[in-house]
């Protein structure tokens, strides 16, 4: 899932560790989410968005729905 976490962290001058502390996960988890290797749970996505004062939709890009058979 695409996201804006790296850009938002930079805007707030937060390291991955600082964001991780704010949302209660490891720095490695934030790194994996930023790089698209891990999709956060819905509660974690809300915590991340809340940390930035944004909605989930402002932080995460909704994946495209699968194409239906042609």
N, C-alpha and C. Protein backbone atom coordinates (compact mmCIF):
# COMPACT_ATOMS: atom_id res chain seq x y z
N UNK A 1 0.84 -1.17 0.00
CA UNK A 1 0.00 0.00 0.00
C UNK A 1 0.89 1.24 0.00
N UNK A 2 0.63 2.15 -0.91
CA UNK A 2 1.42 3.38 -0.98
C UNK A 2 1.02 4.30 0.16
N UNK A 3 2.01 5.09 0.62
CA UNK A 3 1.73 6.01 1.72
C UNK A 3 2.66 7.22 1.63
N UNK A 4 2.36 8.22 2.44
CA UNK A 4 3.13 9.47 2.48
C UNK A 4 3.92 9.60 3.79
N UNK A 5 4.15 8.50 4.47
CA UNK A 5 4.76 8.58 5.80
C UNK A 5 6.14 9.24 5.75
N UNK A 6 6.97 8.86 4.80
CA UNK A 6 8.32 9.43 4.73
C UNK A 6 8.26 10.96 4.58
N UNK A 7 7.41 11.44 3.69
CA UNK A 7 7.26 12.88 3.46
C UNK A 7 6.72 13.57 4.71
N UNK A 8 5.71 12.97 5.31
CA UNK A 8 5.12 13.56 6.51
C UNK A 8 6.11 13.60 7.67
N UNK A 9 6.89 12.54 7.80
CA UNK A 9 7.93 12.54 8.86
C UNK A 9 8.91 13.68 8.64
N UNK A 10 9.31 13.86 7.38
CA UNK A 10 10.27 14.93 7.06
C UNK A 10 9.67 16.31 7.38
N UNK A 11 8.40 16.48 7.07
CA UNK A 11 7.74 17.75 7.36
C UNK A 11 7.70 18.04 8.86
N UNK A 12 7.63 16.99 9.67
CA UNK A 12 7.59 17.14 11.12
C UNK A 12 8.98 16.99 11.76
N UNK A 13 9.99 16.74 10.95
CA UNK A 13 11.36 16.51 11.43
C UNK A 13 11.41 15.37 12.43
N UNK A 14 10.67 14.29 12.13
CA UNK A 14 10.66 13.10 12.98
C UNK A 14 11.47 12.00 12.33
N UNK A 15 12.21 11.28 13.13
CA UNK A 15 12.89 10.07 12.65
C UNK A 15 11.87 8.93 12.66
N UNK A 16 12.25 7.83 12.05
CA UNK A 16 11.39 6.64 12.11
C UNK A 16 11.19 6.21 13.56
N UNK A 17 12.23 6.31 14.36
CA UNK A 17 12.13 5.92 15.77
C UNK A 17 11.16 6.82 16.53
N UNK A 18 11.17 8.12 16.23
CA UNK A 18 10.25 9.03 16.90
C UNK A 18 8.80 8.71 16.56
N UNK A 19 8.52 8.46 15.28
CA UNK A 19 7.16 8.09 14.89
C UNK A 19 6.78 6.76 15.53
N UNK A 20 7.69 5.81 15.51
CA UNK A 20 7.43 4.50 16.12
C UNK A 20 7.05 4.65 17.59
N UNK A 21 7.77 5.49 18.32
CA UNK A 21 7.46 5.72 19.73
C UNK A 21 6.07 6.33 19.90
N UNK A 22 5.72 7.24 19.02
CA UNK A 22 4.42 7.92 19.11
C UNK A 22 3.26 6.97 18.87
N UNK A 23 3.46 5.95 18.03
CA UNK A 23 2.36 5.04 17.70
C UNK A 23 2.50 3.67 18.35
N UNK A 24 3.58 3.44 19.08
CA UNK A 24 3.72 2.21 19.85
C UNK A 24 4.15 0.99 19.07
N UNK A 25 5.00 1.19 18.07
CA UNK A 25 5.54 0.05 17.31
C UNK A 25 7.05 0.21 17.21
N UNK A 26 7.72 -0.75 16.60
CA UNK A 26 9.17 -0.66 16.43
C UNK A 26 9.52 0.22 15.23
N UNK A 27 10.75 0.73 15.26
CA UNK A 27 11.25 1.51 14.13
C UNK A 27 11.24 0.67 12.86
N UNK A 28 11.55 -0.62 13.02
CA UNK A 28 11.56 -1.53 11.88
C UNK A 28 10.17 -1.64 11.25
N UNK A 29 9.13 -1.61 12.07
CA UNK A 29 7.76 -1.66 11.54
C UNK A 29 7.47 -0.42 10.69
N UNK A 30 7.87 0.75 11.18
CA UNK A 30 7.66 1.98 10.42
C UNK A 30 8.43 1.90 9.11
N UNK A 31 9.66 1.43 9.14
CA UNK A 31 10.46 1.28 7.94
C UNK A 31 9.77 0.36 6.94
N UNK A 32 9.25 -0.76 7.40
CA UNK A 32 8.58 -1.71 6.51
C UNK A 32 7.30 -1.13 5.91
N UNK A 33 6.56 -0.37 6.69
CA UNK A 33 5.35 0.26 6.17
C UNK A 33 5.71 1.31 5.14
N UNK A 34 6.69 2.16 5.46
CA UNK A 34 7.12 3.21 4.51
C UNK A 34 7.54 2.63 3.17
N UNK A 35 8.21 1.50 3.21
CA UNK A 35 8.75 0.91 1.99
C UNK A 35 7.79 -0.07 1.31
N UNK A 36 6.56 -0.15 1.81
CA UNK A 36 5.55 -0.98 1.18
C UNK A 36 5.73 -2.48 1.35
N UNK A 37 6.56 -2.87 2.31
CA UNK A 37 6.77 -4.30 2.56
C UNK A 37 5.77 -4.86 3.57
N UNK A 38 5.05 -3.97 4.24
CA UNK A 38 4.11 -4.37 5.27
C UNK A 38 2.94 -3.42 5.25
N UNK A 39 1.71 -3.94 5.26
CA UNK A 39 0.51 -3.12 5.36
C UNK A 39 0.10 -3.07 6.83
N UNK A 40 -0.10 -1.86 7.36
CA UNK A 40 -0.47 -1.77 8.77
C UNK A 40 -1.89 -2.27 9.01
N UNK A 41 -2.15 -2.70 10.23
CA UNK A 41 -3.51 -3.02 10.62
C UNK A 41 -4.32 -1.73 10.59
N UNK A 42 -5.62 -1.86 10.59
CA UNK A 42 -6.47 -0.67 10.58
C UNK A 42 -6.25 0.19 11.82
N UNK A 43 -6.18 -0.41 13.02
CA UNK A 43 -5.90 0.43 14.20
C UNK A 43 -4.55 1.15 14.11
N UNK A 44 -3.52 0.47 13.61
CA UNK A 44 -2.22 1.12 13.47
C UNK A 44 -2.28 2.24 12.44
N UNK A 45 -2.98 2.02 11.35
CA UNK A 45 -3.12 3.08 10.33
C UNK A 45 -3.79 4.31 10.95
N UNK A 46 -4.81 4.10 11.79
CA UNK A 46 -5.45 5.22 12.48
C UNK A 46 -4.47 5.92 13.40
N UNK A 47 -3.66 5.16 14.15
CA UNK A 47 -2.68 5.76 15.05
C UNK A 47 -1.65 6.60 14.28
N UNK A 48 -1.21 6.08 13.16
CA UNK A 48 -0.23 6.82 12.34
C UNK A 48 -0.86 8.11 11.83
N UNK A 49 -2.06 8.01 11.28
CA UNK A 49 -2.74 9.21 10.78
C UNK A 49 -2.96 10.21 11.91
N UNK A 50 -3.40 9.74 13.07
CA UNK A 50 -3.62 10.62 14.22
C UNK A 50 -2.34 11.33 14.65
N UNK A 51 -1.21 10.62 14.58
CA UNK A 51 0.06 11.23 14.97
C UNK A 51 0.37 12.46 14.12
N UNK A 52 -0.06 12.42 12.87
CA UNK A 52 0.17 13.54 11.96
C UNK A 52 -1.00 14.53 11.95
N UNK A 53 -2.08 14.20 12.65
CA UNK A 53 -3.26 15.06 12.65
C UNK A 53 -4.01 15.01 11.34
N UNK A 54 -3.95 13.85 10.67
CA UNK A 54 -4.57 13.68 9.37
C UNK A 54 -5.53 12.50 9.39
N UNK A 55 -6.27 12.35 8.29
CA UNK A 55 -7.12 11.17 8.13
C UNK A 55 -6.30 10.06 7.48
N UNK A 56 -6.81 8.86 7.57
CA UNK A 56 -6.13 7.73 6.93
C UNK A 56 -5.97 7.98 5.44
N UNK A 57 -7.00 8.54 4.82
CA UNK A 57 -6.95 8.79 3.37
C UNK A 57 -5.88 9.81 2.99
N UNK A 58 -5.51 10.67 3.91
CA UNK A 58 -4.47 11.66 3.64
C UNK A 58 -3.06 11.07 3.80
N UNK A 59 -2.96 9.92 4.45
CA UNK A 59 -1.66 9.28 4.68
C UNK A 59 -1.46 8.09 3.74
N UNK A 60 -2.51 7.29 3.56
CA UNK A 60 -2.42 6.06 2.79
C UNK A 60 -3.24 6.15 1.51
N UNK A 61 -2.70 5.58 0.44
CA UNK A 61 -3.41 5.54 -0.83
C UNK A 61 -4.17 4.23 -0.92
N UNK A 62 -5.43 4.33 -1.23
CA UNK A 62 -6.26 3.13 -1.36
C UNK A 62 -5.78 2.33 -2.56
N UNK A 63 -5.58 1.02 -2.39
CA UNK A 63 -5.16 0.21 -3.54
C UNK A 63 -6.27 0.14 -4.58
N UNK A 64 -5.87 0.04 -5.82
CA UNK A 64 -6.85 -0.08 -6.91
C UNK A 64 -7.59 -1.40 -6.77
N UNK A 65 -8.90 -1.37 -7.02
CA UNK A 65 -9.65 -2.64 -6.93
C UNK A 65 -9.20 -3.58 -8.06
N UNK A 66 -9.27 -4.86 -7.80
CA UNK A 66 -8.88 -5.80 -8.86
C UNK A 66 -9.82 -5.68 -10.05
N UNK A 67 -9.26 -5.84 -11.23
CA UNK A 67 -10.08 -5.76 -12.43
C UNK A 67 -10.96 -6.99 -12.54
N UNK A 68 -12.18 -6.76 -12.97
CA UNK A 68 -13.11 -7.87 -13.16
C UNK A 68 -12.82 -8.49 -14.51
N UNK A 69 -13.12 -9.77 -14.64
CA UNK A 69 -12.86 -10.49 -15.88
C UNK A 69 -13.47 -9.81 -17.09
N UNK A 70 -12.77 -9.85 -18.18
CA UNK A 70 -13.28 -9.21 -19.40
C UNK A 70 -13.89 -10.20 -20.33
